[in-house]
Protein backbone atom coordinates (compact mmCIF):
# COMPACT_ATOMS: atom_id res chain seq x y z
CA UNK A 1 0.00 0.00 0.00
CA UNK A 2 1.47 3.31 -1.06
CA UNK A 3 1.28 6.52 0.91
CA UNK A 4 -1.52 9.01 0.32
CA UNK A 5 0.96 11.73 -0.61
CA UNK A 6 2.54 9.55 -3.30
CA UNK A 7 -0.84 8.83 -4.85
CA UNK A 8 -1.70 12.52 -4.81
CA UNK A 9 1.51 13.46 -6.62
CA UNK A 10 0.81 10.77 -9.23
CA UNK A 11 -2.67 12.21 -9.74
CA UNK A 12 -1.29 15.73 -10.10
CA UNK A 13 1.21 14.59 -12.74
CA UNK A 14 -1.49 12.64 -14.57
CA UNK A 15 -3.92 15.57 -14.63
CA UNK A 16 -1.12 17.92 -15.72
CA UNK A 17 -0.29 15.69 -18.70
CA UNK A 18 -3.98 15.36 -19.61
CA UNK A 19 -4.40 19.14 -19.35
CA UNK A 20 -1.46 19.72 -21.72
CA UNK A 21 -2.84 17.24 -24.26
CA UNK A 22 -6.35 18.74 -24.11
CA UNK A 23 -5.10 22.32 -24.43
CA UNK A 24 -2.90 21.43 -27.41
CA UNK A 25 -5.79 19.56 -29.04
CA UNK A 26 -8.19 22.48 -28.51
CA UNK A 27 -5.59 24.91 -29.88
CA UNK A 28 -5.11 22.81 -33.03
CA UNK A 29 -8.89 22.46 -33.39
CA UNK A 30 -9.53 26.21 -33.11
CA UNK A 31 -6.67 26.89 -35.53
CA UNK A 32 -8.16 24.48 -38.09
CA UNK A 33 -11.61 26.01 -37.51
CA UNK A 34 -10.39 29.57 -38.19
CA UNK A 35 -8.48 28.36 -41.25
CA UNK A 36 -11.61 26.64 -42.58
CA UNK A 37 -13.68 29.77 -41.91
CA UNK A 38 -11.28 32.03 -43.78
CA UNK A 39 -11.13 29.48 -46.64
CA UNK A 40 -14.95 29.45 -46.85
CA UNK A 41 -15.03 33.26 -46.80
CA UNK A 42 -12.59 33.34 -49.73
CA UNK A 43 -14.69 30.80 -51.64
CA UNK A 44 -17.85 32.88 -51.22
CA UNK A 45 -16.22 35.71 -53.13
CA UNK A 46 -15.98 38.37 -50.44
CA UNK A 47 -19.71 38.45 -49.74
CA UNK A 48 -19.03 38.96 -46.02
CA UNK A 49 -16.72 41.88 -46.83
CA UNK A 50 -19.47 43.62 -48.77
CA UNK A 51 -21.88 43.20 -45.85
CA UNK A 52 -19.30 44.60 -43.43
CA UNK A 53 -18.79 47.71 -45.58
CA UNK A 54 -22.56 48.34 -45.60
CA UNK A 55 -22.78 48.41 -41.80
PDB file of N, CA and C in Angstrom:
ATOM      1  N   UNK A   1       0.847  -1.202   0.000  1.00  0.00           N
ATOM      2  CA  UNK A   1       0.000   0.000   0.000  1.00  0.00           C
ATOM      3  C   UNK A   1       0.882   1.251   0.000  1.00  0.00           C
ATOM      4  N   UNK A   2       0.646   2.109  -0.952  1.00  0.00           N
ATOM      5  CA  UNK A   2       1.471   3.309  -1.061  1.00  0.00           C
ATOM      6  C   UNK A   2       0.898   4.427  -0.200  1.00  0.00           C
ATOM      7  N   UNK A   3       1.723   5.412   0.053  1.00  0.00           N
ATOM      8  CA  UNK A   3       1.282   6.523   0.908  1.00  0.00           C
ATOM      9  C   UNK A   3       0.291   7.408   0.150  1.00  0.00           C
ATOM     10  N   UNK A   4      -0.514   8.134   0.902  1.00  0.00           N
ATOM     11  CA  UNK A   4      -1.522   9.013   0.323  1.00  0.00           C
ATOM     12  C   UNK A   4      -0.869  10.142  -0.464  1.00  0.00           C
ATOM     13  N   UNK A   5       0.278  10.630   0.058  1.00  0.00           N
ATOM     14  CA  UNK A   5       0.956  11.735  -0.613  1.00  0.00           C
ATOM     15  C   UNK A   5       1.520  11.283  -1.967  1.00  0.00           C
ATOM     16  N   UNK A   6       2.015  10.065  -2.033  1.00  0.00           N
ATOM     17  CA  UNK A   6       2.542   9.551  -3.297  1.00  0.00           C
ATOM     18  C   UNK A   6       1.444   9.414  -4.341  1.00  0.00           C
ATOM     19  N   UNK A   7       0.273   8.943  -3.913  1.00  0.00           N
ATOM     20  CA  UNK A   7      -0.842   8.826  -4.851  1.00  0.00           C
ATOM     21  C   UNK A   7      -1.295  10.201  -5.328  1.00  0.00           C
ATOM     22  N   UNK A   8      -1.289  11.176  -4.423  1.00  0.00           N
ATOM     23  CA  UNK A   8      -1.702  12.525  -4.810  1.00  0.00           C
ATOM     24  C   UNK A   8      -0.746  13.109  -5.841  1.00  0.00           C
ATOM     25  N   UNK A   9       0.557  12.908  -5.657  1.00  0.00           N
ATOM     26  CA  UNK A   9       1.515  13.455  -6.617  1.00  0.00           C
ATOM     27  C   UNK A   9       1.349  12.770  -7.973  1.00  0.00           C
ATOM     28  N   UNK A  10       1.063  11.463  -7.970  1.00  0.00           N
ATOM     29  CA  UNK A  10       0.810  10.766  -9.229  1.00  0.00           C
ATOM     30  C   UNK A  10      -0.418  11.341  -9.926  1.00  0.00           C
ATOM     31  N   UNK A  11      -1.462  11.632  -9.158  1.00  0.00           N
ATOM     32  CA  UNK A  11      -2.672  12.205  -9.742  1.00  0.00           C
ATOM     33  C   UNK A  11      -2.399  13.584 -10.321  1.00  0.00           C
ATOM     34  N   UNK A  12      -1.606  14.387  -9.608  1.00  0.00           N
ATOM     35  CA  UNK A  12      -1.294  15.735 -10.096  1.00  0.00           C
ATOM     36  C   UNK A  12      -0.539  15.653 -11.415  1.00  0.00           C
ATOM     37  N   UNK A  13       0.444  14.751 -11.496  1.00  0.00           N
ATOM     38  CA  UNK A  13       1.207  14.592 -12.740  1.00  0.00           C
ATOM     39  C   UNK A  13       0.293  14.115 -13.860  1.00  0.00           C
ATOM     40  N   UNK A  14      -0.580  13.168 -13.555  1.00  0.00           N
ATOM     41  CA  UNK A  14      -1.489  12.635 -14.567  1.00  0.00           C
ATOM     42  C   UNK A  14      -2.412  13.725 -15.103  1.00  0.00           C
ATOM     43  N   UNK A  15      -3.011  14.511 -14.188  1.00  0.00           N
ATOM     44  CA  UNK A  15      -3.916  15.572 -14.630  1.00  0.00           C
ATOM     45  C   UNK A  15      -3.170  16.660 -15.385  1.00  0.00           C
ATOM     46  N   UNK A  16      -1.916  16.916 -15.011  1.00  0.00           N
ATOM     47  CA  UNK A  16      -1.120  17.917 -15.716  1.00  0.00           C
ATOM     48  C   UNK A  16      -0.876  17.489 -17.159  1.00  0.00           C
ATOM     49  N   UNK A  17      -0.533  16.198 -17.349  1.00  0.00           N
ATOM     50  CA  UNK A  17      -0.290  15.685 -18.705  1.00  0.00           C
ATOM     51  C   UNK A  17      -1.579  15.728 -19.523  1.00  0.00           C
ATOM     52  N   UNK A  18      -2.698  15.327 -18.908  1.00  0.00           N
ATOM     53  CA  UNK A  18      -3.982  15.357 -19.612  1.00  0.00           C
ATOM     54  C   UNK A  18      -4.350  16.788 -19.986  1.00  0.00           C
ATOM     55  N   UNK A  19      -4.088  17.734 -19.077  1.00  0.00           N
ATOM     56  CA  UNK A  19      -4.397  19.136 -19.346  1.00  0.00           C
ATOM     57  C   UNK A  19      -3.583  19.653 -20.525  1.00  0.00           C
ATOM     58  N   UNK A  20      -2.299  19.278 -20.606  1.00  0.00           N
ATOM     59  CA  UNK A  20      -1.460  19.718 -21.724  1.00  0.00           C
ATOM     60  C   UNK A  20      -1.997  19.144 -23.033  1.00  0.00           C
ATOM     61  N   UNK A  21      -2.336  17.851 -23.034  1.00  0.00           N
ATOM     62  CA  UNK A  21      -2.842  17.239 -24.259  1.00  0.00           C
ATOM     63  C   UNK A  21      -4.145  17.891 -24.706  1.00  0.00           C
ATOM     64  N   UNK A  22      -5.055  18.150 -23.763  1.00  0.00           N
ATOM     65  CA  UNK A  22      -6.348  18.743 -24.110  1.00  0.00           C
ATOM     66  C   UNK A  22      -6.172  20.169 -24.624  1.00  0.00           C
ATOM     67  N   UNK A  23      -5.295  20.939 -23.988  1.00  0.00           N
ATOM     68  CA  UNK A  23      -5.101  22.324 -24.431  1.00  0.00           C
ATOM     69  C   UNK A  23      -4.472  22.364 -25.822  1.00  0.00           C
ATOM     70  N   UNK A  24      -3.508  21.480 -26.077  1.00  0.00           N
ATOM     71  CA  UNK A  24      -2.898  21.434 -27.413  1.00  0.00           C
ATOM     72  C   UNK A  24      -3.931  21.012 -28.449  1.00  0.00           C
ATOM     73  N   UNK A  25      -4.761  20.026 -28.106  1.00  0.00           N
ATOM     74  CA  UNK A  25      -5.786  19.556 -29.037  1.00  0.00           C
ATOM     75  C   UNK A  25      -6.793  20.661 -29.336  1.00  0.00           C
ATOM     76  N   UNK A  26      -7.233  21.387 -28.303  1.00  0.00           N
ATOM     77  CA  UNK A  26      -8.190  22.478 -28.515  1.00  0.00           C
ATOM     78  C   UNK A  26      -7.561  23.594 -29.331  1.00  0.00           C
ATOM     79  N   UNK A  27      -6.275  23.864 -29.105  1.00  0.00           N
ATOM     80  CA  UNK A  27      -5.595  24.907 -29.875  1.00  0.00           C
ATOM     81  C   UNK A  27      -5.526  24.523 -31.344  1.00  0.00           C
ATOM     82  N   UNK A  28      -5.168  23.268 -31.640  1.00  0.00           N
ATOM     83  CA  UNK A  28      -5.111  22.813 -33.032  1.00  0.00           C
ATOM     84  C   UNK A  28      -6.500  22.850 -33.658  1.00  0.00           C
ATOM     85  N   UNK A  29      -7.528  22.481 -32.881  1.00  0.00           N
ATOM     86  CA  UNK A  29      -8.893  22.465 -33.392  1.00  0.00           C
ATOM     87  C   UNK A  29      -9.362  23.876 -33.732  1.00  0.00           C
ATOM     88  N   UNK A  30      -9.101  24.827 -32.845  1.00  0.00           N
ATOM     89  CA  UNK A  30      -9.526  26.207 -33.111  1.00  0.00           C
ATOM     90  C   UNK A  30      -8.747  26.783 -34.286  1.00  0.00           C
ATOM     91  N   UNK A  31      -7.475  26.415 -34.407  1.00  0.00           N
ATOM     92  CA  UNK A  31      -6.675  26.888 -35.535  1.00  0.00           C
ATOM     93  C   UNK A  31      -7.246  26.351 -36.845  1.00  0.00           C
ATOM     94  N   UNK A  32      -7.577  25.058 -36.883  1.00  0.00           N
ATOM     95  CA  UNK A  32      -8.160  24.476 -38.087  1.00  0.00           C
ATOM     96  C   UNK A  32      -9.522  25.097 -38.382  1.00  0.00           C
ATOM     97  N   UNK A  33     -10.288  25.420 -37.323  1.00  0.00           N
ATOM     98  CA  UNK A  33     -11.606  26.015 -37.512  1.00  0.00           C
ATOM     99  C   UNK A  33     -11.495  27.406 -38.125  1.00  0.00           C
ATOM    100  N   UNK A  34     -10.558  28.223 -37.632  1.00  0.00           N
ATOM    101  CA  UNK A  34     -10.387  29.567 -38.189  1.00  0.00           C
ATOM    102  C   UNK A  34      -9.860  29.484 -39.618  1.00  0.00           C
ATOM    103  N   UNK A  35      -8.977  28.523 -39.890  1.00  0.00           N
ATOM    104  CA  UNK A  35      -8.476  28.362 -41.254  1.00  0.00           C
ATOM    105  C   UNK A  35      -9.609  27.968 -42.195  1.00  0.00           C
ATOM    106  N   UNK A  36     -10.481  27.055 -41.745  1.00  0.00           N
ATOM    107  CA  UNK A  36     -11.607  26.637 -42.581  1.00  0.00           C
ATOM    108  C   UNK A  36     -12.573  27.798 -42.799  1.00  0.00           C
ATOM    109  N   UNK A  37     -12.784  28.621 -41.771  1.00  0.00           N
ATOM    110  CA  UNK A  37     -13.683  29.765 -41.912  1.00  0.00           C
ATOM    111  C   UNK A  37     -13.141  30.765 -42.919  1.00  0.00           C
ATOM    112  N   UNK A  38     -11.850  31.076 -42.835  1.00  0.00           N
ATOM    113  CA  UNK A  38     -11.276  32.029 -43.782  1.00  0.00           C
ATOM    114  C   UNK A  38     -11.301  31.444 -45.195  1.00  0.00           C
ATOM    115  N   UNK A  39     -11.090  30.112 -45.331  1.00  0.00           N
ATOM    116  CA  UNK A  39     -11.135  29.484 -46.644  1.00  0.00           C
ATOM    117  C   UNK A  39     -12.548  29.571 -47.217  1.00  0.00           C
ATOM    118  N   UNK A  40     -13.571  29.343 -46.377  1.00  0.00           N
ATOM    119  CA  UNK A  40     -14.955  29.448 -46.845  1.00  0.00           C
ATOM    120  C   UNK A  40     -15.281  30.884 -47.238  1.00  0.00           C
ATOM    121  N   UNK A  41     -14.771  31.857 -46.469  1.00  0.00           N
ATOM    122  CA  UNK A  41     -15.028  33.257 -46.799  1.00  0.00           C
ATOM    123  C   UNK A  41     -14.423  33.597 -48.158  1.00  0.00           C
ATOM    124  N   UNK A  42     -13.218  33.081 -48.437  1.00  0.00           N
ATOM    125  CA  UNK A  42     -12.595  33.340 -49.732  1.00  0.00           C
ATOM    126  C   UNK A  42     -13.386  32.674 -50.853  1.00  0.00           C
ATOM    127  N   UNK A  43     -13.936  31.495 -50.597  1.00  0.00           N
ATOM    128  CA  UNK A  43     -14.689  30.799 -51.640  1.00  0.00           C
ATOM    129  C   UNK A  43     -15.987  31.531 -51.968  1.00  0.00           C
ATOM    130  N   UNK A  44     -16.576  32.209 -50.982  1.00  0.00           N
ATOM    131  CA  UNK A  44     -17.853  32.875 -51.222  1.00  0.00           C
ATOM    132  C   UNK A  44     -17.671  34.181 -51.989  1.00  0.00           C
ATOM    133  N   UNK A  45     -16.440  34.553 -52.268  1.00  0.00           N
ATOM    134  CA  UNK A  45     -16.216  35.712 -53.125  1.00  0.00           C
ATOM    135  C   UNK A  45     -16.351  37.046 -52.411  1.00  0.00           C
ATOM    136  N   UNK A  46     -15.967  37.098 -51.149  1.00  0.00           N
ATOM    137  CA  UNK A  46     -15.983  38.366 -50.437  1.00  0.00           C
ATOM    138  C   UNK A  46     -17.368  38.892 -50.135  1.00  0.00           C
ATOM    139  N   UNK A  47     -18.345  38.008 -50.042  1.00  0.00           N
ATOM    140  CA  UNK A  47     -19.711  38.448 -49.735  1.00  0.00           C
ATOM    141  C   UNK A  47     -19.775  39.055 -48.336  1.00  0.00           C
ATOM    142  N   UNK A  48     -19.047  38.456 -47.396  1.00  0.00           N
ATOM    143  CA  UNK A  48     -19.026  38.962 -46.023  1.00  0.00           C
ATOM    144  C   UNK A  48     -18.403  40.354 -45.986  1.00  0.00           C
ATOM    145  N   UNK A  49     -17.383  40.579 -46.817  1.00  0.00           N
ATOM    146  CA  UNK A  49     -16.717  41.880 -46.827  1.00  0.00           C
ATOM    147  C   UNK A  49     -17.677  42.969 -47.292  1.00  0.00           C
ATOM    148  N   UNK A  50     -18.511  42.645 -48.267  1.00  0.00           N
ATOM    149  CA  UNK A  50     -19.468  43.625 -48.773  1.00  0.00           C
ATOM    150  C   UNK A  50     -20.500  43.968 -47.697  1.00  0.00           C
ATOM    151  N   UNK A  51     -20.929  42.955 -46.932  1.00  0.00           N
ATOM    152  CA  UNK A  51     -21.880  43.204 -45.851  1.00  0.00           C
ATOM    153  C   UNK A  51     -21.243  44.053 -44.758  1.00  0.00           C
ATOM    154  N   UNK A  52     -19.968  43.815 -44.467  1.00  0.00           N
ATOM    155  CA  UNK A  52     -19.301  44.604 -43.433  1.00  0.00           C
ATOM    156  C   UNK A  52     -19.172  46.059 -43.857  1.00  0.00           C
ATOM    157  N   UNK A  53     -18.947  46.316 -45.134  1.00  0.00           N
ATOM    158  CA  UNK A  53     -18.792  47.706 -45.579  1.00  0.00           C
ATOM    159  C   UNK A  53     -20.136  48.433 -45.557  1.00  0.00           C
ATOM    160  N   UNK A  54     -21.248  47.697 -45.653  1.00  0.00           N
ATOM    161  CA  UNK A  54     -22.560  48.337 -45.603  1.00  0.00           C
ATOM    162  C   UNK A  54     -22.896  48.811 -44.190  1.00  0.00           C
ATOM    163  N   UNK A  55     -22.434  48.070 -43.187  1.00  0.00           N
ATOM    164  CA  UNK A  55     -22.784  48.414 -41.797  1.00  0.00           C
ATOM    165  C   UNK A  55     -22.094  49.707 -41.371  1.00  0.00           C
TER     166      UNK A  55
END
